[in-house]
Amino acid sequence: MCSRVVIFLLVSVVACLPFEDLLKCCDKNYEVSNSTCVRSTKSRRFEVYLPPSPAGYRGECFEVSHNVFYTFKADNGVFTDADYLLPNFVKCCPVGFAYNKTLKACQPSDLSNHLLIRSFLLAIGLERGCKLAIDHTYRTFEDFDVDYRRFWKTEKICSDRSVDGDYIIRRCQKDLEVCREKRCLKKCCPYGQSFVGGARCHDTWTHGIETKDQYFSSYIDDIEGNNIVV
């Protein structure tokens, strides 16, 4: 019980720290392994949204290690005294990508995320156990912010910008009730994944499916309106 309280307090403090005072331990596409920076060889579902620490840096920094967030003590390229952290924000697409509402996939984008992203510890994509999701689209950040504050504590969601500049919230559903009234089709791979090199699912993010009157995800549904089942 005590360890849970410590982790919660540490996460709360981290979430309130100013981003400009913090550093990522390693360069982009690198993570900590065995106390040093190594190139990430596996798909990353966690990202540290901070500038990298300079060569020879000594002090505190934040990094992913084996798909877990830690704060490390850095000493000239050696990272020790790791403390476990939890992600504070779930982004639907990797950093540098936005959500394509038509394909239900991610594509490269230079849209600003300064209002959207509320933490530097980012989980990427809906969790793999999410079977059905609803998309909410918002033209303004103010409208997005109202629903984000309503959903994020009690529901499994991710948020992002769309390629046309809107704000997006994707909400996992607890059941398949919508499929009683709407046509649903099973997707082979989890959200963000597709077949690569045969019948194996890998994180690709950018591979979507465009159908005329339907929407792509774990299920396909031809619902209309602002809240789209995908």
Protein backbone atom coordinates (compact mmCIF):
# COMPACT_ATOMS: atom_id res chain seq x y z
CA MET A 1 0.00 0.00 0.00
CA CYS A 2 2.82 2.37 0.87
CA SER A 3 4.54 1.78 -2.49
CA ARG A 4 1.34 2.66 -4.35
CA VAL A 5 1.05 5.90 -2.42
CA VAL A 6 4.68 6.79 -3.20
CA ILE A 7 4.17 6.12 -6.92
CA PHE A 8 0.97 8.16 -6.98
CA LEU A 9 2.63 11.12 -5.26
CA LEU A 10 5.65 10.94 -7.56
CA VAL A 11 3.44 10.86 -10.65
CA SER A 12 1.41 13.80 -9.34
CA VAL A 13 4.57 15.85 -8.77
CA VAL A 14 5.99 14.94 -12.20
CA ALA A 15 2.75 15.95 -13.92
CA CYS A 16 3.00 19.43 -12.39
CA LEU A 17 6.65 20.11 -13.22
CA PRO A 18 7.38 22.68 -15.99
CA PHE A 19 8.48 20.86 -19.15
CA GLU A 20 11.25 23.36 -19.94
CA ASP A 21 13.20 22.34 -16.83
CA LEU A 22 13.25 18.62 -17.65
CA LEU A 23 15.33 16.43 -19.96
CA LYS A 24 15.05 13.08 -21.72
CA CYS A 25 18.05 10.88 -20.86
CA CYS A 26 18.74 9.64 -24.41
CA ASP A 27 18.39 10.89 -27.97
CA LYS A 28 15.24 10.27 -29.99
CA ASN A 29 14.65 6.57 -30.78
CA TYR A 30 16.99 5.55 -27.95
CA GLU A 31 16.15 4.21 -24.49
CA VAL A 32 18.02 3.11 -21.38
CA SER A 33 19.13 -0.51 -21.08
CA ASN A 34 21.77 -1.80 -18.65
CA SER A 35 22.46 1.77 -17.45
CA THR A 36 23.30 3.16 -20.90
CA CYS A 37 21.48 4.49 -24.01
CA VAL A 38 20.75 1.94 -26.72
CA ARG A 39 18.77 2.22 -29.94
CA SER A 40 15.18 1.04 -29.54
CA THR A 41 14.76 -2.12 -31.58
CA LYS A 42 11.11 -2.77 -30.79
CA SER A 43 7.99 -0.74 -31.45
CA ARG A 44 7.57 1.89 -28.76
CA ARG A 45 4.21 2.48 -27.11
CA PHE A 46 5.74 4.91 -24.63
CA GLU A 47 7.51 8.19 -25.40
CA VAL A 48 9.25 10.85 -23.32
CA TYR A 49 8.16 14.20 -24.76
CA LEU A 50 11.28 16.17 -23.73
CA PRO A 51 14.54 17.40 -25.30
CA PRO A 52 17.51 15.00 -24.89
CA SER A 53 20.17 15.64 -22.28
CA PRO A 54 23.51 16.99 -23.59
CA ALA A 55 26.73 14.96 -23.70
CA GLY A 56 28.35 14.64 -20.29
CA TYR A 57 25.14 15.63 -18.47
CA ARG A 58 24.96 15.04 -14.73
CA GLY A 59 21.61 15.26 -13.00
CA GLU A 60 18.04 13.93 -13.19
CA CYS A 61 16.47 12.83 -16.48
CA PHE A 62 13.51 10.77 -17.68
CA GLU A 63 13.50 7.78 -20.01
CA VAL A 64 11.79 4.60 -21.16
CA SER A 65 13.38 1.26 -20.36
CA HIS A 66 11.73 -1.91 -21.66
CA ASN A 67 8.40 -0.09 -22.14
CA VAL A 68 8.36 1.37 -18.61
CA PHE A 69 8.97 5.00 -17.58
CA TYR A 70 11.73 5.83 -15.10
CA THR A 71 13.48 8.83 -13.67
CA PHE A 72 17.25 8.25 -13.62
CA LYS A 73 20.31 9.85 -12.12
CA ALA A 74 22.62 10.63 -15.05
CA ASP A 75 26.40 10.78 -14.75
CA ASN A 76 28.20 11.27 -18.07
CA GLY A 77 26.18 8.68 -20.01
CA VAL A 78 25.60 6.25 -17.15
CA PHE A 79 22.07 6.07 -15.71
CA THR A 80 21.37 4.71 -12.22
CA ASP A 81 18.96 4.98 -9.28
CA ALA A 82 15.86 4.34 -11.39
CA ASP A 83 12.43 5.22 -9.97
CA TYR A 84 9.33 3.80 -11.66
CA LEU A 85 6.79 6.25 -13.13
CA LEU A 86 3.35 5.95 -14.72
CA PRO A 87 2.30 7.57 -18.00
CA ASN A 88 0.16 10.69 -17.53
CA PHE A 89 -1.30 11.12 -21.02
CA VAL A 90 -2.38 8.73 -23.79
CA LYS A 91 -1.82 10.06 -27.32
CA CYS A 92 -3.58 8.15 -30.10
CA CYS A 93 -0.65 8.44 -32.53
CA PRO A 94 3.13 8.63 -32.06
CA VAL A 95 4.73 12.05 -31.61
CA GLY A 96 5.04 13.74 -35.02
CA PHE A 97 1.86 12.06 -36.29
CA ALA A 98 -1.81 13.09 -36.35
CA TYR A 99 -4.99 11.03 -36.63
CA ASN A 100 -6.63 10.49 -40.02
CA LYS A 101 -10.37 10.27 -39.37
CA THR A 102 -11.10 8.70 -42.76
CA LEU A 103 -8.51 5.92 -42.61
CA LYS A 104 -8.62 5.56 -38.82
CA ALA A 105 -4.84 5.59 -38.93
CA CYS A 106 -1.91 7.92 -38.20
CA GLN A 107 0.07 10.00 -40.67
CA PRO A 108 3.06 12.37 -40.34
CA SER A 109 2.06 15.88 -39.26
CA ASP A 110 3.68 19.06 -37.97
CA LEU A 111 0.50 20.28 -36.22
CA SER A 112 1.16 21.91 -32.87
CA ASN A 113 0.40 19.79 -29.79
CA HIS A 114 1.22 22.43 -27.17
CA LEU A 115 -2.41 22.64 -25.99
CA LEU A 116 -3.20 18.96 -26.40
CA ILE A 117 -0.36 17.20 -24.58
CA ARG A 118 -0.67 17.52 -20.81
CA SER A 119 2.38 15.52 -19.75
CA PHE A 120 5.80 14.53 -21.04
CA LEU A 121 5.20 10.84 -20.19
CA LEU A 122 3.15 9.61 -23.14
CA ALA A 123 1.52 6.25 -23.69
CA ILE A 124 0.84 5.78 -27.41
CA GLY A 125 -2.41 4.32 -28.74
CA LEU A 126 -5.44 2.66 -27.22
CA GLU A 127 -4.60 -0.38 -25.12
CA ARG A 128 -4.45 -3.66 -27.01
CA GLY A 129 -7.43 -5.08 -25.15
CA CYS A 130 -9.74 -2.37 -26.56
CA LYS A 131 -12.19 -4.14 -28.87
CA LEU A 132 -14.47 -1.27 -29.77
CA ALA A 133 -14.04 2.52 -29.63
CA ILE A 134 -16.04 5.66 -30.28
CA ASP A 135 -14.45 8.71 -31.91
CA HIS A 136 -15.40 12.20 -30.73
CA THR A 137 -14.37 15.13 -32.93
CA TYR A 138 -14.07 18.74 -31.71
CA ARG A 139 -13.47 21.85 -33.77
CA THR A 140 -12.06 23.85 -30.84
CA PHE A 141 -9.72 23.03 -27.98
CA GLU A 142 -12.21 24.48 -25.49
CA ASP A 143 -14.90 21.97 -26.51
CA PHE A 144 -12.35 19.15 -26.48
CA ASP A 145 -11.13 20.14 -23.03
CA VAL A 146 -14.61 19.90 -21.49
CA ASP A 147 -15.05 16.26 -22.55
CA TYR A 148 -11.44 15.32 -21.87
CA ARG A 149 -11.82 16.37 -18.25
CA ARG A 150 -15.07 14.40 -18.08
CA PHE A 151 -13.66 11.16 -19.54
CA TRP A 152 -10.01 10.80 -18.56
CA LYS A 153 -10.42 9.73 -14.91
CA THR A 154 -13.06 7.05 -15.44
CA GLU A 155 -12.69 5.79 -19.01
CA LYS A 156 -9.96 4.34 -21.22
CA ILE A 157 -9.28 6.98 -23.86
CA CYS A 158 -6.63 8.45 -26.10
CA SER A 159 -6.48 11.99 -27.51
CA ASP A 160 -4.86 13.62 -30.53
CA ARG A 161 -5.08 16.17 -33.31
CA SER A 162 -6.64 15.13 -36.59
CA VAL A 163 -4.83 15.81 -39.86
CA ASP A 164 -7.39 18.52 -40.69
CA GLY A 165 -6.73 20.35 -37.40
CA ASP A 166 -9.57 19.07 -35.22
CA TYR A 167 -9.16 17.57 -31.75
CA ILE A 168 -9.97 13.88 -31.21
CA ILE A 169 -10.93 11.69 -28.27
CA ARG A 170 -11.21 7.93 -28.81
CA ARG A 171 -13.09 6.05 -26.07
CA CYS A 172 -12.91 2.30 -25.48
CA GLN A 173 -16.29 0.69 -24.93
CA LYS A 174 -17.01 -1.81 -22.16
CA ASP A 175 -19.08 -4.08 -24.38
CA LEU A 176 -20.26 -4.69 -27.96
CA GLU A 177 -23.76 -3.38 -27.38
CA VAL A 178 -23.61 -1.10 -30.43
CA CYS A 179 -23.21 -4.18 -32.64
CA ARG A 180 -26.78 -5.19 -31.82
CA GLU A 181 -27.99 -2.26 -33.92
CA LYS A 182 -25.05 -1.53 -36.20
CA ARG A 183 -23.10 -3.74 -38.56
CA CYS A 184 -19.72 -4.71 -37.06
CA LEU A 185 -16.82 -6.56 -38.64
CA LYS A 186 -13.92 -8.10 -36.68
CA LYS A 187 -10.49 -6.57 -37.32
CA CYS A 188 -7.62 -9.08 -37.27
CA CYS A 189 -5.05 -6.96 -35.41
CA PRO A 190 -5.38 -4.61 -32.41
CA TYR A 191 -5.58 -0.83 -32.80
CA GLY A 192 -2.45 0.63 -34.38
CA GLN A 193 -1.32 -2.72 -35.74
CA SER A 194 -1.49 -4.55 -39.06
CA PHE A 195 -0.05 -7.69 -40.65
CA VAL A 196 3.68 -7.45 -41.48
CA GLY A 197 5.61 -10.32 -43.04
CA GLY A 198 2.70 -12.71 -42.89
CA ALA A 199 -0.04 -13.23 -40.33
CA ARG A 200 1.79 -11.44 -37.50
CA CYS A 201 0.49 -8.20 -36.01
CA HIS A 202 2.99 -5.36 -35.58
CA ASP A 203 2.65 -1.69 -34.62
CA THR A 204 2.50 0.22 -37.90
CA TRP A 205 0.09 3.07 -36.99
CA THR A 206 -0.07 4.36 -40.58
CA HIS A 207 -1.92 1.45 -42.21
CA GLY A 208 -5.65 2.15 -42.34
CA ILE A 209 -8.57 1.02 -44.47
CA GLU A 210 -10.84 3.39 -46.33
CA THR A 211 -14.36 2.17 -47.02
CA LYS A 212 -17.08 4.27 -48.57
CA ASP A 213 -19.66 4.49 -45.77
CA GLN A 214 -17.90 2.77 -42.92
CA TYR A 215 -15.14 3.43 -40.40
CA PHE A 216 -12.06 1.35 -39.64
CA SER A 217 -10.95 -0.14 -36.33
CA SER A 218 -11.42 -3.36 -34.39
CA TYR A 219 -14.88 -3.23 -35.93
CA ILE A 220 -16.37 -1.42 -38.93
CA ASP A 221 -19.58 0.49 -38.49
CA ASP A 222 -21.62 2.77 -40.76
CA ILE A 223 -22.86 5.13 -38.06
CA GLU A 224 -23.10 8.85 -38.83
CA GLY A 225 -22.68 11.96 -36.68
CA ASN A 226 -20.06 13.57 -34.46
CA ASN A 227 -19.64 10.53 -32.18
CA ILE A 228 -18.46 7.86 -34.58
CA VAL A 229 -18.17 4.22 -33.61
CA VAL A 230 -14.95 2.78 -35.06
